[in-house]
Structures are given as structure tokens and as C-alpha cells.
């Protein structure tokens, strides 16, 4: 019996939207985070609904690969500048053949340029096999992909993930960014993250910026990159430059 998710995947009805990531100093766009949506107005429009359904139906891997195909096709069609930041679950990377033919075959079939892609590792469940994950990410890095940890501070053990993998980028969860201009503890946390990033030569990207005050706080703390609704909302046709004046 075909489910709504199965029909959606069969009919290629996933949609990609993109949110700019900018340098806090001058608002120049350094890349875009790709986000996925189901058919507009459907029960599967939101990514949360899509992935919850995929987990129930044991189709998460199938959905993730379909997302990669949809995202890269749209990114190339739009001819967007900079890096493409794409979410990949730790569970997909830890699948038995993730370091071997399957994932690479999918990427090769899409003619993906590894030097333009940052893989954001998401933690929808706890990571237990750190050596295996390190092996997989090291192989992908050797092919030219950059690694990032998504939602630092919100996952199961994202600080340990940072120490184990030493990624090129670390993305701060919006809970630590929003309201940081008026919260000394949040600013202390942001400063500590930036200091650790400097030691590990990682780039910090603050997610969820919603006000000028938050963006200005990030600038003053030395956090070089940001994204959020204040800068630009996710869109199927994202801007090529940012002007907040």
C-alpha cells in the first residue's frame, strides 16, 4: 500500500528553499543553507512532519537521499554563489555503507562539486560510534567536502562531537543567539564558543538572528557569520545580496 510519503517521493514533490548565510561585518553572502519542504498546504509540508513520517515508515534514508537530489538540482538551477550548506543526519553517515559506495554514488550521480558543499551533521538521536563517524567524515573531507556541526548546544552531545570531529564550521543553536543582546549569560556562552572555535580554527555561524541588536552583538563578540529571519527568510528564490538599510 502506497502511503502519502511514498507518493510524494515517487512523484518528486519535495521542494528546496534556501536561507543566506552572511558575514556579520559587511553582510556579504558566503553561502546558503538548504531546507526542505513538502507540497504546500499538505500534512507533509513541514520538514518535521516529513521526517517524523519517514521514521515511522522506516524510510528516513530514502527521504534524505531524495532531499539531497532536490536540493542540489535547485542550487545548480538557481546558480547561487558561495557554499551550499546541507543537513545530513549522523544516522545516515553511520549507516553501514555510508563511507562506501551508496552515499558517494548519489553525490557523483548529481555531479556535486565537493568544494562547494558543507555537510551539516544533525543529531536526531544520540551518537554512540564516534570512531566510525570520524572515519566517515574524514573520508568525505578528503574528497573536498567540509563538515559542520548543526545546532551546537541543542543536540545530545554536540560539544563532544565538535571535539571528536574538529569540523570546519560550527552552527550555534538559535536559543543562544536570540535575546543575546540583553542576556549576559548568553553572551558569555557565545564568547566561549568563539574562543574554542579560534583554538580549533573553526568558523562559527550563528543561527536564528531576528533583530539588529542580536546581529550587532554577534559582530561585537567577533562571531563572523550569521543567518536568520532578520537577514533573510528561507525562499525558493533567495536574494543574491543583502541590504538591511
Protein backbone atom coordinates (compact mmCIF):
# COMPACT_ATOMS: atom_id res chain seq x y z
CA UNK A 1 0.00 0.00 0.00
CA UNK A 2 1.42 3.36 -1.05
CA UNK A 3 1.49 6.00 1.67
CA UNK A 4 1.29 9.78 1.15
CA UNK A 5 5.04 9.95 1.77
CA UNK A 6 5.68 7.20 -0.76
CA UNK A 7 3.58 9.01 -3.35
CA UNK A 8 5.37 12.28 -2.63
CA UNK A 9 8.77 10.67 -3.16
CA UNK A 10 7.65 8.79 -6.26
CA UNK A 11 6.28 11.99 -7.81
CA UNK A 12 9.35 14.08 -6.86
CA UNK A 13 7.26 16.64 -4.97
CA UNK A 14 9.86 17.78 -2.46
CA UNK A 15 10.78 21.47 -2.62
CA UNK A 16 14.05 23.18 -1.69
CA UNK A 17 14.29 26.61 -0.09
CA UNK A 18 17.49 28.48 0.73
CA UNK A 19 18.46 30.89 3.51
CA UNK A 20 21.51 33.13 3.04
CA UNK A 21 24.45 32.92 5.42
CA UNK A 22 26.28 36.23 5.65
CA UNK A 23 29.45 37.75 7.02
CA UNK A 24 28.43 39.84 10.01
CA UNK A 25 30.99 42.53 9.13
CA UNK A 26 29.54 43.57 5.77
CA UNK A 27 26.52 41.29 5.11
CA UNK A 28 28.20 39.70 2.09
CA UNK A 29 26.70 36.29 1.31
CA UNK A 30 29.10 33.39 1.89
CA UNK A 31 26.60 30.62 1.19
CA UNK A 32 23.10 29.29 1.65
CA UNK A 33 21.59 26.71 3.95
CA UNK A 34 19.26 24.40 2.06
CA UNK A 35 16.00 23.45 3.75
CA UNK A 36 13.38 21.03 2.51
CA UNK A 37 9.60 21.34 2.24
CA UNK A 38 6.82 19.02 1.18
CA UNK A 39 3.88 20.04 -1.01
CA UNK A 40 2.42 23.40 0.04
CA UNK A 41 -0.72 23.07 2.13
CA UNK A 42 -0.27 19.33 2.72
CA UNK A 43 0.19 17.47 6.01
CA UNK A 44 3.78 16.82 4.92
CA UNK A 45 4.74 20.40 4.12
CA UNK A 46 6.99 20.90 7.15
CA UNK A 47 10.34 19.12 7.48
CA UNK A 48 9.36 17.97 10.96
CA UNK A 49 6.29 16.18 9.58
CA UNK A 50 8.27 14.74 6.67
CA UNK A 51 10.99 13.22 8.83
CA UNK A 52 8.66 12.04 11.59
CA UNK A 53 6.64 10.18 8.96
CA UNK A 54 9.80 8.79 7.36
CA UNK A 55 10.96 7.43 10.72
CA UNK A 56 7.60 5.75 11.32
CA UNK A 57 7.72 4.16 7.87
CA UNK A 58 11.42 3.30 8.07
CA UNK A 59 12.14 5.47 5.02
CA UNK A 60 14.46 8.05 6.53
CA UNK A 61 17.43 7.11 4.35
CA UNK A 62 15.26 7.20 1.22
CA UNK A 63 13.94 10.62 2.22
CA UNK A 64 17.40 12.02 2.96
CA UNK A 65 18.74 10.96 -0.43
CA UNK A 66 15.67 12.45 -2.13
CA UNK A 67 16.34 15.69 -0.25
CA UNK A 68 19.94 15.76 -1.47
CA UNK A 69 18.80 15.29 -5.07
CA UNK A 70 16.15 18.01 -4.79
CA UNK A 71 18.49 20.47 -3.09
CA UNK A 72 21.47 20.11 -5.41
CA UNK A 73 19.29 20.30 -8.52
CA UNK A 74 17.69 23.53 -7.28
CA UNK A 75 21.03 25.01 -6.17
CA UNK A 76 22.55 24.48 -9.61
CA UNK A 77 19.45 25.74 -11.41
CA UNK A 78 19.45 28.97 -9.37
CA UNK A 79 23.21 29.37 -9.89
CA UNK A 80 23.62 30.61 -6.33
CA UNK A 81 27.03 31.91 -5.21
CA UNK A 82 29.10 30.61 -2.33
CA UNK A 83 28.80 27.40 -0.37
CA UNK A 84 25.81 25.09 -0.11
CA UNK A 85 25.09 24.02 3.47
CA UNK A 86 23.07 20.80 3.54
CA UNK A 87 21.78 18.82 6.51
CA UNK A 88 22.73 15.15 6.77
CA UNK A 89 21.83 13.07 9.81
CA UNK A 90 24.51 11.33 11.83
CA UNK A 91 22.48 8.13 11.46
CA UNK A 92 22.82 8.30 7.65
CA UNK A 93 26.56 8.86 7.95
CA UNK A 94 26.78 5.90 10.33
CA UNK A 95 24.86 3.57 8.02
CA UNK A 96 26.96 0.51 7.07
CA UNK A 97 27.75 1.69 3.55
CA UNK A 98 27.74 5.47 4.10
CA UNK A 99 31.53 5.65 3.83
CA UNK A 100 31.46 3.43 0.76
CA UNK A 101 29.54 3.31 -2.47
CA UNK A 102 25.98 4.41 -1.67
CA UNK A 103 26.41 7.99 -0.47
CA UNK A 104 29.23 8.71 -2.89
CA UNK A 105 27.29 7.23 -5.81
CA UNK A 106 24.36 9.50 -5.03
CA UNK A 107 26.63 12.55 -4.91
CA UNK A 108 28.53 11.54 -8.05
CA UNK A 109 25.27 10.93 -9.93
CA UNK A 110 24.27 14.51 -9.13
CA UNK A 111 27.63 15.85 -10.36
CA UNK A 112 28.12 17.53 -6.99
CA UNK A 113 31.19 19.75 -6.64
CA UNK A 114 32.51 18.76 -3.20
CA UNK A 115 34.41 22.01 -2.75
CA UNK A 116 31.12 23.91 -2.70
CA UNK A 117 29.34 21.75 -0.14
CA UNK A 118 29.29 21.94 3.65
CA UNK A 119 27.68 18.90 5.27
CA UNK A 120 25.83 19.91 8.43
CA UNK A 121 25.71 16.91 10.75
CA UNK A 122 22.40 16.77 12.60
CA UNK A 123 21.72 14.74 15.75
CA UNK A 124 18.18 13.42 15.78
CA UNK A 125 19.40 10.69 18.10
CA UNK A 126 22.47 10.13 20.26
CA UNK A 127 25.75 9.25 18.55
CA UNK A 128 27.47 6.23 20.08
CA UNK A 129 30.05 5.23 17.48
CA UNK A 130 32.35 8.25 17.36
CA UNK A 131 35.29 6.38 15.75
CA UNK A 132 33.05 5.28 12.88
CA UNK A 133 31.63 8.78 12.40
CA UNK A 134 35.14 10.21 12.43
CA UNK A 135 36.16 7.70 9.74
CA UNK A 136 33.23 8.64 7.51
CA UNK A 137 33.66 12.40 7.88
CA UNK A 138 37.41 12.15 7.34
CA UNK A 139 36.81 10.32 4.05
CA UNK A 140 34.28 12.91 2.90
CA UNK A 141 36.69 15.69 3.88
CA UNK A 142 39.40 14.02 1.80
CA UNK A 143 37.06 14.29 -1.20
CA UNK A 144 36.69 18.04 -0.67
CA UNK A 145 33.53 18.33 1.44
CA UNK A 146 33.59 20.49 4.54
CA UNK A 147 31.96 19.33 7.77
CA UNK A 148 29.82 21.37 10.14
CA UNK A 149 28.06 20.63 13.41
CA UNK A 150 24.47 21.85 13.36
CA UNK A 151 22.63 23.42 16.31
CA UNK A 152 25.51 23.47 18.78
CA UNK A 153 24.06 23.28 22.27
CA UNK A 154 20.81 21.61 21.24
CA UNK A 155 21.95 18.07 20.38
CA UNK A 156 22.69 15.07 22.52
CA UNK A 157 26.43 15.57 22.75
CA UNK A 158 27.32 18.25 20.22
CA UNK A 159 30.26 19.58 22.25
CA UNK A 160 31.82 16.13 22.21
CA UNK A 161 31.01 15.88 18.50
CA UNK A 162 32.94 19.11 18.00
CA UNK A 163 35.96 17.82 19.90
CA UNK A 164 35.88 14.43 18.14
CA UNK A 165 35.40 15.64 14.56
CA UNK A 166 37.01 19.10 14.62
CA UNK A 167 34.75 20.38 11.83
CA UNK A 168 35.35 23.38 9.60
CA UNK A 169 32.15 25.08 10.82
CA UNK A 170 30.08 25.15 13.98
CA UNK A 171 26.49 26.41 13.85
CA UNK A 172 25.09 27.88 17.05
CA UNK A 173 21.56 26.94 18.02
CA UNK A 174 19.20 29.92 17.93
CA UNK A 175 18.38 29.53 21.64
CA UNK A 176 21.78 31.06 22.45
CA UNK A 177 21.51 33.80 19.83
CA UNK A 178 18.02 35.18 20.30
CA UNK A 179 17.95 37.75 23.08
CA UNK A 180 21.73 37.63 23.50
CA UNK A 181 21.90 41.42 23.39
CA UNK A 182 20.08 41.53 26.73
CA UNK A 183 21.38 38.35 28.39
CA UNK A 184 24.86 38.34 29.88
CA UNK A 185 24.96 34.54 30.25
CA UNK A 186 24.17 34.04 26.57
CA UNK A 187 26.91 36.49 25.64
CA UNK A 188 29.36 34.62 27.88
CA UNK A 189 28.41 31.37 26.14
CA UNK A 190 28.86 32.94 22.71
CA UNK A 191 32.27 34.29 23.72
CA UNK A 192 33.33 30.86 24.99
CA UNK A 193 32.24 29.20 21.74
CA UNK A 194 34.13 31.77 19.69
CA UNK A 195 37.25 31.21 21.80
CA UNK A 196 37.06 27.44 21.33
CA UNK A 197 36.48 27.95 17.61
CA UNK A 198 39.59 30.10 17.39
CA UNK A 199 41.60 27.31 19.04
CA UNK A 200 40.25 24.71 16.61
CA UNK A 201 40.28 27.01 13.55
CA UNK A 202 36.55 26.54 13.03
CA UNK A 203 34.16 29.13 11.64
CA UNK A 204 31.18 29.97 13.87
CA UNK A 205 27.79 30.61 12.27
CA UNK A 206 25.02 31.99 14.48
CA UNK A 207 21.53 30.80 13.57
CA UNK A 208 18.19 32.47 14.26
CA UNK A 209 19.15 36.15 14.16
CA UNK A 210 15.87 38.08 14.44
CA UNK A 211 16.88 41.65 15.34
CA UNK A 212 19.51 44.25 14.56
CA UNK A 213 20.56 44.17 18.21
CA UNK A 214 21.34 40.45 18.02
CA UNK A 215 23.35 40.91 14.82
CA UNK A 216 25.27 43.80 16.37
CA UNK A 217 26.01 41.71 19.46
CA UNK A 218 27.46 38.96 17.28
CA UNK A 219 29.67 41.47 15.48
CA UNK A 220 31.00 42.86 18.75
CA UNK A 221 31.72 39.36 20.07
CA UNK A 222 33.73 38.52 16.96
CA UNK A 223 31.33 35.92 15.54
CA UNK A 224 31.91 36.25 11.83
CA UNK A 225 28.85 34.62 10.23
CA UNK A 226 25.11 34.59 10.78
CA UNK A 227 21.73 33.72 9.34
CA UNK A 228 18.15 34.34 10.41
CA UNK A 229 14.83 35.98 9.60
CA UNK A 230 16.24 39.48 10.23
CA UNK A 231 18.73 38.91 7.43
CA UNK A 232 16.54 36.90 5.04
CA UNK A 233 13.86 34.25 5.29
CA UNK A 234 14.22 30.89 3.53
CA UNK A 235 12.99 31.18 -0.04
CA UNK A 236 12.80 29.17 -3.24
CA UNK A 237 14.35 32.23 -4.91
CA UNK A 238 16.71 33.67 -2.29
CA UNK A 239 18.41 37.05 -2.65
CA UNK A 240 21.87 37.37 -4.16
CA UNK A 241 22.75 40.32 -1.91
CA UNK A 242 21.57 41.63 1.44
CA UNK A 243 20.62 45.24 2.13
CA UNK A 244 19.13 45.92 5.56
CA UNK A 245 19.07 49.72 5.31
